[in-house]
Amino acid sequence: MYLGQLLTYSEALIGRIKASDKPRDAMAMLDSGITKLYYTISEVAKLVEEEAHVLRYWETEFDGLGPRKNRAGKRVYTKDDIDVVFRIRHLLRDEKFTIDGARQALKKSRKRSVEPSSGVEELKEMRDFLEKMLDRIAG
């Protein structure tokens, strides 16, 4: 997850719920301990204090930002998508990067965050899990 001056999406949600008048929105759900798998573009726009059209524009400019669309064709953002939006906002608004500069900074951070051994660890965990399941079935 992105570290720095930027709040995580959950901290932002919790901070906003206190000022919100709407008890049933995403902020209230997170405050009550319920987290959603997907967030709408309007919920994400409120979190990052940007307009929805800005998020749609960022999708065209940044390869790392690509929320899926549901059956109705509406964008649905995951926690990872929200993290990318926060990083982009931080680079553009706080660090005063240009679009190209922010794009390059995101690519560099992605290259540094890729761990070659992480796939091996995941495979080992999966193998251990499958061996335990096999023992249960056979035992």
N, C-alpha and C. Protein backbone atom coordinates (compact mmCIF):
# COMPACT_ATOMS: atom_id res chain seq x y z
N MET A 1 0.83 -1.17 0.00
CA MET A 1 0.00 0.00 0.00
C MET A 1 0.89 1.25 0.00
N TYR A 2 0.42 2.32 -0.55
CA TYR A 2 1.18 3.55 -0.69
C TYR A 2 1.42 4.20 0.66
N LEU A 3 2.68 4.55 0.93
CA LEU A 3 3.04 5.20 2.17
C LEU A 3 3.39 6.65 1.89
N GLY A 4 3.16 7.53 2.81
CA GLY A 4 3.52 8.93 2.64
C GLY A 4 2.53 9.82 3.35
N GLN A 5 2.39 11.03 2.84
CA GLN A 5 1.52 12.01 3.46
C GLN A 5 0.05 11.70 3.19
N LEU A 6 -0.19 10.87 2.28
CA LEU A 6 -1.52 10.56 1.82
C LEU A 6 -2.24 9.59 2.75
N LEU A 7 -3.50 9.85 3.05
CA LEU A 7 -4.28 8.94 3.89
C LEU A 7 -4.68 7.72 3.08
N THR A 8 -4.82 6.59 3.73
CA THR A 8 -5.34 5.44 3.03
C THR A 8 -6.83 5.64 2.81
N TYR A 9 -7.39 4.88 1.90
CA TYR A 9 -8.80 5.07 1.60
C TYR A 9 -9.66 4.82 2.83
N SER A 10 -9.29 3.88 3.69
CA SER A 10 -10.13 3.61 4.86
C SER A 10 -10.06 4.74 5.87
N GLU A 11 -8.89 5.32 6.06
CA GLU A 11 -8.78 6.45 6.97
C GLU A 11 -9.58 7.62 6.44
N ALA A 12 -9.56 7.80 5.14
CA ALA A 12 -10.33 8.88 4.55
C ALA A 12 -11.82 8.64 4.73
N LEU A 13 -12.22 7.38 4.54
CA LEU A 13 -13.64 7.06 4.74
C LEU A 13 -14.05 7.30 6.18
N ILE A 14 -13.27 6.84 7.12
CA ILE A 14 -13.60 7.00 8.52
C ILE A 14 -13.63 8.48 8.89
N GLY A 15 -12.70 9.26 8.38
CA GLY A 15 -12.67 10.69 8.66
C GLY A 15 -13.87 11.42 8.11
N ARG A 16 -14.38 10.97 6.97
CA ARG A 16 -15.51 11.64 6.34
C ARG A 16 -16.84 11.26 6.96
N ILE A 17 -16.95 10.11 7.56
CA ILE A 17 -18.23 9.68 8.10
C ILE A 17 -18.69 10.61 9.22
N LYS A 18 -17.76 11.18 9.94
CA LYS A 18 -18.13 12.05 11.04
C LYS A 18 -18.80 13.31 10.53
N ALA A 19 -18.45 13.75 9.34
CA ALA A 19 -19.03 14.96 8.79
C ALA A 19 -20.21 14.66 7.87
N SER A 20 -20.43 13.41 7.58
CA SER A 20 -21.48 13.04 6.63
C SER A 20 -22.84 12.99 7.30
N ASP A 21 -23.87 13.40 6.56
CA ASP A 21 -25.23 13.31 7.07
C ASP A 21 -25.92 12.04 6.61
N LYS A 22 -25.31 11.33 5.66
CA LYS A 22 -25.94 10.14 5.09
C LYS A 22 -25.41 8.90 5.81
N PRO A 23 -26.23 8.24 6.61
CA PRO A 23 -25.74 7.09 7.37
C PRO A 23 -25.55 5.83 6.55
N ARG A 24 -26.14 5.72 5.36
CA ARG A 24 -26.08 4.47 4.62
C ARG A 24 -25.06 4.48 3.50
N ASP A 25 -24.23 5.48 3.40
CA ASP A 25 -23.25 5.49 2.33
C ASP A 25 -22.03 4.65 2.70
N ALA A 26 -21.04 4.60 1.82
CA ALA A 26 -19.86 3.75 2.02
C ALA A 26 -19.10 4.15 3.27
N MET A 27 -19.10 5.43 3.59
CA MET A 27 -18.37 5.90 4.76
C MET A 27 -18.97 5.30 6.03
N ALA A 28 -20.29 5.28 6.10
CA ALA A 28 -20.96 4.72 7.29
C ALA A 28 -20.71 3.23 7.39
N MET A 29 -20.72 2.55 6.26
CA MET A 29 -20.50 1.11 6.28
C MET A 29 -19.10 0.79 6.79
N LEU A 30 -18.12 1.53 6.33
CA LEU A 30 -16.75 1.27 6.77
C LEU A 30 -16.59 1.60 8.24
N ASP A 31 -17.22 2.68 8.67
CA ASP A 31 -17.13 3.09 10.07
C ASP A 31 -17.74 2.02 10.97
N SER A 32 -18.77 1.35 10.49
CA SER A 32 -19.40 0.32 11.30
C SER A 32 -18.69 -1.03 11.17
N GLY A 33 -17.61 -1.08 10.42
CA GLY A 33 -16.82 -2.30 10.30
C GLY A 33 -17.14 -3.11 9.06
N ILE A 34 -18.08 -2.65 8.26
CA ILE A 34 -18.45 -3.36 7.03
C ILE A 34 -17.64 -2.75 5.89
N THR A 35 -16.89 -3.58 5.20
CA THR A 35 -16.16 -3.08 4.04
C THR A 35 -16.76 -3.68 2.79
N LYS A 36 -16.75 -2.92 1.73
CA LYS A 36 -17.31 -3.37 0.46
C LYS A 36 -16.19 -3.87 -0.44
N LEU A 37 -16.53 -4.73 -1.34
CA LEU A 37 -15.56 -5.18 -2.33
C LEU A 37 -15.41 -4.16 -3.44
N TYR A 38 -16.49 -3.47 -3.77
CA TYR A 38 -16.49 -2.53 -4.87
C TYR A 38 -17.11 -1.21 -4.44
N TYR A 39 -16.58 -0.13 -5.00
CA TYR A 39 -17.09 1.20 -4.73
C TYR A 39 -17.44 1.87 -6.05
N THR A 40 -18.46 2.71 -6.05
CA THR A 40 -18.86 3.41 -7.27
C THR A 40 -17.93 4.59 -7.51
N ILE A 41 -18.00 5.13 -8.71
CA ILE A 41 -17.14 6.25 -9.05
C ILE A 41 -17.47 7.47 -8.19
N SER A 42 -18.75 7.65 -7.85
CA SER A 42 -19.11 8.81 -7.02
C SER A 42 -18.57 8.67 -5.60
N GLU A 43 -18.55 7.44 -5.07
CA GLU A 43 -17.98 7.23 -3.74
C GLU A 43 -16.47 7.50 -3.73
N VAL A 44 -15.79 7.05 -4.77
CA VAL A 44 -14.35 7.26 -4.87
C VAL A 44 -14.06 8.74 -5.09
N ALA A 45 -14.87 9.41 -5.88
CA ALA A 45 -14.68 10.83 -6.13
C ALA A 45 -14.79 11.63 -4.82
N LYS A 46 -15.74 11.25 -3.96
CA LYS A 46 -15.87 11.92 -2.66
C LYS A 46 -14.64 11.66 -1.80
N LEU A 47 -14.14 10.44 -1.84
CA LEU A 47 -12.97 10.10 -1.03
C LEU A 47 -11.75 10.93 -1.37
N VAL A 48 -11.49 11.08 -2.66
CA VAL A 48 -10.27 11.76 -3.09
C VAL A 48 -10.49 13.24 -3.36
N GLU A 49 -11.71 13.70 -3.12
CA GLU A 49 -12.06 15.10 -3.31
C GLU A 49 -11.79 15.58 -4.73
N GLU A 50 -12.22 14.79 -5.67
CA GLU A 50 -12.15 15.13 -7.09
C GLU A 50 -13.52 14.87 -7.69
N GLU A 51 -13.73 15.42 -8.86
CA GLU A 51 -14.97 15.17 -9.58
C GLU A 51 -14.88 13.84 -10.33
N ALA A 52 -16.01 13.24 -10.61
CA ALA A 52 -16.03 11.95 -11.30
C ALA A 52 -15.41 12.05 -12.69
N HIS A 53 -15.62 13.18 -13.37
CA HIS A 53 -15.05 13.31 -14.72
C HIS A 53 -13.52 13.32 -14.68
N VAL A 54 -12.94 13.78 -13.58
CA VAL A 54 -11.49 13.77 -13.44
C VAL A 54 -10.99 12.32 -13.33
N LEU A 55 -11.72 11.51 -12.58
CA LEU A 55 -11.34 10.09 -12.46
C LEU A 55 -11.44 9.39 -13.80
N ARG A 56 -12.48 9.70 -14.56
CA ARG A 56 -12.62 9.10 -15.89
C ARG A 56 -11.48 9.53 -16.80
N TYR A 57 -11.06 10.78 -16.69
CA TYR A 57 -9.93 11.26 -17.49
C TYR A 57 -8.65 10.54 -17.08
N TRP A 58 -8.43 10.39 -15.78
CA TRP A 58 -7.23 9.70 -15.31
C TRP A 58 -7.17 8.27 -15.83
N GLU A 59 -8.34 7.63 -15.98
CA GLU A 59 -8.36 6.27 -16.53
C GLU A 59 -7.77 6.23 -17.93
N THR A 60 -7.98 7.29 -18.69
CA THR A 60 -7.44 7.31 -20.06
C THR A 60 -5.95 7.60 -20.07
N GLU A 61 -5.45 8.27 -19.05
CA GLU A 61 -4.05 8.70 -19.02
C GLU A 61 -3.11 7.73 -18.30
N PHE A 62 -3.63 6.94 -17.37
CA PHE A 62 -2.79 6.07 -16.55
C PHE A 62 -3.19 4.61 -16.75
N ASP A 63 -2.21 3.81 -17.19
CA ASP A 63 -2.47 2.39 -17.45
C ASP A 63 -2.81 1.63 -16.17
N GLY A 64 -2.26 2.05 -15.05
CA GLY A 64 -2.48 1.34 -13.79
C GLY A 64 -3.87 1.53 -13.22
N LEU A 65 -4.62 2.47 -13.76
CA LEU A 65 -5.97 2.74 -13.28
C LEU A 65 -6.97 2.26 -14.31
N GLY A 66 -7.66 1.20 -13.98
CA GLY A 66 -8.65 0.65 -14.90
C GLY A 66 -9.71 -0.11 -14.17
N PRO A 67 -10.63 0.60 -13.52
CA PRO A 67 -11.68 -0.12 -12.80
C PRO A 67 -12.54 -0.93 -13.76
N ARG A 68 -13.00 -2.06 -13.26
CA ARG A 68 -13.88 -2.88 -14.09
C ARG A 68 -15.26 -2.25 -14.16
N LYS A 69 -16.05 -2.75 -15.08
CA LYS A 69 -17.43 -2.28 -15.18
C LYS A 69 -18.35 -3.44 -14.86
N ASN A 70 -19.44 -3.13 -14.18
CA ASN A 70 -20.41 -4.18 -13.84
C ASN A 70 -21.33 -4.43 -15.04
N ARG A 71 -22.32 -5.27 -14.84
CA ARG A 71 -23.22 -5.62 -15.95
C ARG A 71 -23.96 -4.41 -16.49
N ALA A 72 -24.21 -3.45 -15.64
CA ALA A 72 -24.92 -2.25 -16.07
C ALA A 72 -23.99 -1.26 -16.76
N GLY A 73 -22.69 -1.56 -16.81
CA GLY A 73 -21.74 -0.69 -17.47
C GLY A 73 -21.17 0.40 -16.58
N LYS A 74 -21.46 0.33 -15.29
CA LYS A 74 -20.95 1.33 -14.34
C LYS A 74 -19.61 0.89 -13.80
N ARG A 75 -18.73 1.85 -13.57
CA ARG A 75 -17.39 1.55 -13.05
C ARG A 75 -17.48 1.10 -11.61
N VAL A 76 -16.72 0.06 -11.30
CA VAL A 76 -16.63 -0.41 -9.92
C VAL A 76 -15.16 -0.46 -9.53
N TYR A 77 -14.84 0.27 -8.47
CA TYR A 77 -13.46 0.40 -8.00
C TYR A 77 -13.19 -0.55 -6.85
N THR A 78 -12.07 -1.25 -6.91
CA THR A 78 -11.64 -2.10 -5.81
C THR A 78 -10.73 -1.28 -4.89
N LYS A 79 -10.31 -1.89 -3.80
CA LYS A 79 -9.40 -1.20 -2.88
C LYS A 79 -8.09 -0.86 -3.57
N ASP A 80 -7.61 -1.75 -4.43
CA ASP A 80 -6.37 -1.48 -5.18
C ASP A 80 -6.54 -0.30 -6.13
N ASP A 81 -7.70 -0.23 -6.79
CA ASP A 81 -7.98 0.89 -7.69
C ASP A 81 -7.99 2.21 -6.90
N ILE A 82 -8.59 2.18 -5.72
CA ILE A 82 -8.66 3.39 -4.90
C ILE A 82 -7.27 3.81 -4.46
N ASP A 83 -6.42 2.85 -4.16
CA ASP A 83 -5.05 3.16 -3.77
C ASP A 83 -4.31 3.85 -4.93
N VAL A 84 -4.52 3.36 -6.14
CA VAL A 84 -3.89 3.97 -7.32
C VAL A 84 -4.42 5.40 -7.51
N VAL A 85 -5.70 5.60 -7.31
CA VAL A 85 -6.28 6.94 -7.45
C VAL A 85 -5.65 7.89 -6.43
N PHE A 86 -5.49 7.43 -5.20
CA PHE A 86 -4.85 8.27 -4.18
C PHE A 86 -3.41 8.60 -4.57
N ARG A 87 -2.68 7.63 -5.10
CA ARG A 87 -1.30 7.89 -5.52
C ARG A 87 -1.26 8.93 -6.64
N ILE A 88 -2.15 8.76 -7.62
CA ILE A 88 -2.20 9.70 -8.74
C ILE A 88 -2.54 11.11 -8.22
N ARG A 89 -3.53 11.20 -7.36
CA ARG A 89 -3.92 12.51 -6.82
C ARG A 89 -2.75 13.15 -6.05
N HIS A 90 -2.07 12.34 -5.27
CA HIS A 90 -0.93 12.86 -4.51
C HIS A 90 0.15 13.40 -5.44
N LEU A 91 0.46 12.64 -6.48
CA LEU A 91 1.50 13.08 -7.42
C LEU A 91 1.09 14.35 -8.16
N LEU A 92 -0.16 14.41 -8.61
CA LEU A 92 -0.60 15.56 -9.39
C LEU A 92 -0.88 16.79 -8.55
N ARG A 93 -1.55 16.62 -7.44
CA ARG A 93 -1.99 17.78 -6.64
C ARG A 93 -0.96 18.22 -5.60
N ASP A 94 -0.38 17.26 -4.88
CA ASP A 94 0.54 17.61 -3.80
C ASP A 94 1.98 17.79 -4.29
N GLU A 95 2.43 16.87 -5.11
CA GLU A 95 3.81 16.93 -5.60
C GLU A 95 3.95 17.79 -6.85
N LYS A 96 2.82 18.20 -7.44
CA LYS A 96 2.79 19.08 -8.61
C LYS A 96 3.46 18.47 -9.84
N PHE A 97 3.31 17.16 -10.01
CA PHE A 97 3.82 16.49 -11.20
C PHE A 97 2.91 16.81 -12.38
N THR A 98 3.47 16.74 -13.58
CA THR A 98 2.64 16.78 -14.78
C THR A 98 2.05 15.39 -14.98
N ILE A 99 1.14 15.27 -15.93
CA ILE A 99 0.56 13.95 -16.21
C ILE A 99 1.66 12.97 -16.61
N ASP A 100 2.56 13.41 -17.50
CA ASP A 100 3.66 12.53 -17.93
C ASP A 100 4.58 12.18 -16.78
N GLY A 101 4.88 13.15 -15.95
CA GLY A 101 5.75 12.89 -14.80
C GLY A 101 5.13 11.92 -13.82
N ALA A 102 3.83 12.08 -13.58
CA ALA A 102 3.13 11.16 -12.67
C ALA A 102 3.08 9.76 -13.27
N ARG A 103 2.88 9.68 -14.58
CA ARG A 103 2.85 8.38 -15.24
C ARG A 103 4.19 7.66 -15.09
N GLN A 104 5.28 8.40 -15.27
CA GLN A 104 6.61 7.81 -15.12
C GLN A 104 6.88 7.41 -13.67
N ALA A 105 6.47 8.23 -12.73
CA ALA A 105 6.67 7.92 -11.31
C ALA A 105 5.91 6.65 -10.92
N LEU A 106 4.69 6.49 -11.44
CA LEU A 106 3.92 5.28 -11.15
C LEU A 106 4.59 4.04 -11.74
N LYS A 107 5.12 4.17 -12.95
CA LYS A 107 5.81 3.04 -13.58
C LYS A 107 7.04 2.64 -12.77
N LYS A 108 7.78 3.63 -12.30
CA LYS A 108 8.97 3.34 -11.49
C LYS A 108 8.59 2.66 -10.18
N SER A 109 7.54 3.14 -9.56
CA SER A 109 7.13 2.54 -8.28
C SER A 109 6.62 1.12 -8.49
N ARG A 110 5.97 0.87 -9.62
CA ARG A 110 5.52 -0.50 -9.92
C ARG A 110 6.68 -1.44 -10.13
N LYS A 111 7.73 -0.96 -10.81
CA LYS A 111 8.90 -1.80 -11.06
C LYS A 111 9.60 -2.14 -9.75
N ARG A 112 9.67 -1.18 -8.83
CA ARG A 112 10.33 -1.42 -7.54
C ARG A 112 9.51 -2.35 -6.66
N SER A 113 8.18 -2.28 -6.79
CA SER A 113 7.34 -3.08 -5.91
C SER A 113 7.20 -4.53 -6.36
N VAL A 114 7.60 -4.84 -7.58
CA VAL A 114 7.50 -6.21 -8.06
C VAL A 114 8.59 -7.04 -7.39
N GLU A 115 8.15 -8.06 -6.68
CA GLU A 115 9.09 -8.96 -6.00
C GLU A 115 9.12 -10.28 -6.71
N PRO A 116 10.28 -10.71 -7.21
CA PRO A 116 10.33 -11.95 -7.96
C PRO A 116 10.03 -13.18 -7.10
N SER A 117 10.29 -13.11 -5.81
CA SER A 117 10.06 -14.28 -4.96
C SER A 117 8.62 -14.37 -4.47
N SER A 118 7.81 -13.32 -4.65
CA SER A 118 6.45 -13.35 -4.13
C SER A 118 5.62 -14.44 -4.80
N GLY A 119 5.84 -14.70 -6.07
CA GLY A 119 5.11 -15.75 -6.76
C GLY A 119 5.47 -17.12 -6.23
N VAL A 120 6.73 -17.32 -5.89
CA VAL A 120 7.19 -18.59 -5.35
C VAL A 120 6.54 -18.84 -3.98
N GLU A 121 6.48 -17.81 -3.16
CA GLU A 121 5.87 -17.95 -1.84
C GLU A 121 4.39 -18.30 -1.96
N GLU A 122 3.70 -17.65 -2.89
CA GLU A 122 2.29 -17.95 -3.09
C GLU A 122 2.10 -19.39 -3.53
N LEU A 123 2.96 -19.87 -4.41
CA LEU A 123 2.86 -21.25 -4.87
C LEU A 123 3.12 -22.24 -3.73
N LYS A 124 4.08 -21.91 -2.86
CA LYS A 124 4.35 -22.78 -1.72
C LYS A 124 3.15 -22.84 -0.78
N GLU A 125 2.54 -21.70 -0.54
CA GLU A 125 1.35 -21.66 0.31
C GLU A 125 0.22 -22.48 -0.30
N MET A 126 0.05 -22.34 -1.61
CA MET A 126 -1.00 -23.08 -2.30
C MET A 126 -0.73 -24.58 -2.22
N ARG A 127 0.54 -24.99 -2.40
CA ARG A 127 0.88 -26.40 -2.32
C ARG A 127 0.60 -26.94 -0.92
N ASP A 128 0.98 -26.18 0.12
CA ASP A 128 0.72 -26.61 1.49
C ASP A 128 -0.78 -26.77 1.74
N PHE A 129 -1.55 -25.83 1.24
CA PHE A 129 -2.99 -25.89 1.40
C PHE A 129 -3.56 -27.13 0.71
N LEU A 130 -3.11 -27.37 -0.52
CA LEU A 130 -3.61 -28.52 -1.27
C LEU A 130 -3.20 -29.85 -0.61
N GLU A 131 -1.99 -29.89 -0.07
CA GLU A 131 -1.55 -31.10 0.63
C GLU A 131 -2.42 -31.35 1.86
N LYS A 132 -2.76 -30.32 2.59
CA LYS A 132 -3.63 -30.47 3.76
C LYS A 132 -5.01 -30.95 3.35
N MET A 133 -5.52 -30.42 2.26
CA MET A 133 -6.83 -30.85 1.78
C MET A 133 -6.80 -32.31 1.33
N LEU A 134 -5.71 -32.70 0.68
CA LEU A 134 -5.56 -34.09 0.25
C LEU A 134 -5.50 -35.03 1.45
N ASP A 135 -4.76 -34.62 2.49
CA ASP A 135 -4.69 -35.42 3.71
C ASP A 135 -6.06 -35.56 4.35
N ARG A 136 -6.85 -34.50 4.33
CA ARG A 136 -8.20 -34.56 4.91
C ARG A 136 -9.09 -35.52 4.14
N ILE A 137 -8.97 -35.46 2.83
CA ILE A 137 -9.81 -36.32 2.00
C ILE A 137 -9.38 -37.78 2.15
N ALA A 138 -8.07 -38.01 2.13
CA ALA A 138 -7.56 -39.37 2.22
C ALA A 138 -7.68 -39.95 3.63
N GLY A 139 -7.64 -39.08 4.64
CA GLY A 139 -7.62 -39.51 6.03
C GLY A 139 -8.96 -39.78 6.54
